[in-house]
Amino acid sequence: MATNRIKQINALLQSQLSRLLLKELDFKEGIIATVIKVDTTKDLSICRVFLSVMPEKETRETLKFLRRNVVSLQMALNKKVFLRKTPKLVFLPYQETEEIRVEKLLEEL
């Protein structure tokens, strides 16, 4: 269970990373990458960034692109977020669980 401080850091990092993906990177035409969730370790050493990519078949290539550009993203994030230690970014695909899909379907009814 994340502490309140970690939850606040996650929200801040998610917001800033979403903006940086829009402003700093030139994705292939037709690709939309959305930061769905951010999970930072308690010691702030690692920040797992879960992304949803549309179209879904471009997920692997988009993650490779982000990993190649992680240094520039990390530097841009360091300028926007003032933490004693800025966590290392790790990009991962977001995978919806069956439980989440069922909840979304029920909400649509």
Protein backbone atom coordinates (compact mmCIF):
# COMPACT_ATOMS: atom_id res chain seq x y z
CA MET A 1 0.00 0.00 0.00
CA ALA A 2 1.44 3.34 -1.04
CA THR A 3 1.83 6.07 1.52
CA ASN A 4 0.11 9.41 1.05
CA ARG A 5 3.45 10.99 0.08
CA ILE A 6 4.09 8.36 -2.60
CA LYS A 7 0.54 8.82 -3.91
CA GLN A 8 1.17 12.56 -4.24
CA ILE A 9 4.50 11.95 -5.99
CA ASN A 10 2.85 9.46 -8.34
CA ALA A 11 0.14 11.98 -9.24
CA LEU A 12 2.74 14.70 -9.85
CA LEU A 13 4.93 12.44 -11.98
CA GLN A 14 1.95 11.18 -13.98
CA SER A 15 0.82 14.73 -14.72
CA GLN A 16 4.28 15.96 -15.71
CA LEU A 17 5.12 12.89 -17.80
CA SER A 18 1.83 13.20 -19.69
CA ARG A 19 2.73 16.78 -20.60
CA LEU A 20 6.29 15.87 -21.53
CA LEU A 21 5.16 13.07 -23.84
CA LEU A 22 3.01 15.57 -25.70
CA LYS A 23 5.59 18.36 -25.90
CA GLU A 24 9.00 16.71 -26.01
CA LEU A 25 8.60 13.66 -28.24
CA ASP A 26 7.62 13.17 -31.86
CA PHE A 27 5.83 9.85 -32.05
CA LYS A 28 5.15 8.20 -35.39
CA GLU A 29 2.11 9.65 -37.10
CA GLY A 30 -1.14 8.18 -35.82
CA ILE A 31 0.25 6.98 -32.48
CA ILE A 32 -1.27 8.12 -29.21
CA ALA A 33 0.53 7.22 -25.99
CA THR A 34 -1.25 7.86 -22.70
CA VAL A 35 0.19 7.59 -19.20
CA ILE A 36 -2.36 5.42 -17.40
CA LYS A 37 -0.60 4.79 -14.10
CA VAL A 38 2.65 5.66 -12.34
CA ASP A 39 4.08 3.48 -9.59
CA THR A 40 7.08 4.84 -7.69
CA THR A 41 9.10 2.81 -5.21
CA LYS A 42 9.20 4.01 -1.60
CA ASP A 43 12.87 4.98 -1.86
CA LEU A 44 12.15 6.99 -5.06
CA SER A 45 14.72 5.00 -7.02
CA ILE A 46 12.39 3.69 -9.74
CA CYS A 47 9.23 5.01 -11.33
CA ARG A 48 7.27 2.47 -13.40
CA VAL A 49 5.27 4.31 -16.04
CA PHE A 50 2.38 2.27 -17.46
CA LEU A 51 1.32 3.36 -20.93
CA SER A 52 -1.63 2.69 -23.16
CA VAL A 53 -0.74 2.97 -26.84
CA MET A 54 -3.19 3.37 -29.70
CA PRO A 55 -3.19 1.55 -32.04
CA GLU A 56 -2.36 -1.33 -29.73
CA LYS A 57 -0.20 -3.10 -32.33
CA GLU A 58 2.31 -0.21 -32.04
CA THR A 59 2.89 -0.73 -28.31
CA ARG A 60 6.19 -2.60 -28.65
CA GLU A 61 7.72 -0.05 -31.06
CA THR A 62 6.49 2.88 -28.97
CA LEU A 63 8.03 1.43 -25.81
CA LYS A 64 11.34 0.94 -27.66
CA PHE A 65 11.16 4.57 -28.83
CA LEU A 66 10.55 5.78 -25.26
CA ARG A 67 13.40 3.68 -23.89
CA ARG A 68 15.76 5.20 -26.49
CA ASN A 69 14.64 8.68 -25.42
CA VAL A 70 14.52 8.07 -21.68
CA VAL A 71 17.58 10.25 -20.97
CA SER A 72 16.06 13.37 -22.54
CA LEU A 73 12.74 12.69 -20.81
CA GLN A 74 14.51 12.20 -17.50
CA MET A 75 16.36 15.51 -17.91
CA ALA A 76 13.14 17.35 -18.83
CA LEU A 77 11.38 15.80 -15.84
CA ASN A 78 14.20 16.84 -13.52
CA LYS A 79 13.63 20.47 -14.57
CA LYS A 80 9.88 20.26 -13.90
CA VAL A 81 9.78 18.24 -10.68
CA PHE A 82 11.70 19.32 -7.63
CA LEU A 83 12.46 16.23 -5.60
CA ARG A 84 15.62 15.46 -3.71
CA LYS A 85 15.92 12.32 -5.80
CA THR A 86 14.12 11.97 -9.12
CA PRO A 87 13.32 8.32 -9.82
CA LYS A 88 14.63 6.45 -12.84
CA LEU A 89 11.89 6.03 -15.43
CA VAL A 90 10.89 2.55 -16.62
CA PHE A 91 8.22 2.34 -19.34
CA LEU A 92 5.85 -0.62 -19.36
CA PRO A 93 2.67 -1.51 -21.25
CA TYR A 94 -0.57 -1.10 -19.34
CA GLN A 95 -2.49 -4.35 -19.13
CA GLU A 96 -6.11 -4.17 -18.03
CA THR A 97 -7.16 -6.98 -15.76
CA GLU A 98 -10.41 -8.81 -16.38
CA GLU A 99 -11.79 -7.29 -13.18
CA ILE A 100 -11.21 -3.73 -14.45
CA ARG A 101 -12.83 -4.55 -17.81
CA VAL A 102 -15.94 -5.91 -16.07
CA GLU A 103 -16.19 -2.79 -13.88
CA LYS A 104 -15.95 -0.52 -16.95
CA LEU A 105 -18.65 -2.52 -18.74
CA LEU A 106 -20.93 -2.29 -15.70
CA GLU A 107 -20.41 1.48 -15.52
CA GLU A 108 -21.46 1.82 -19.15
CA LEU A 109 -24.84 0.15 -18.48
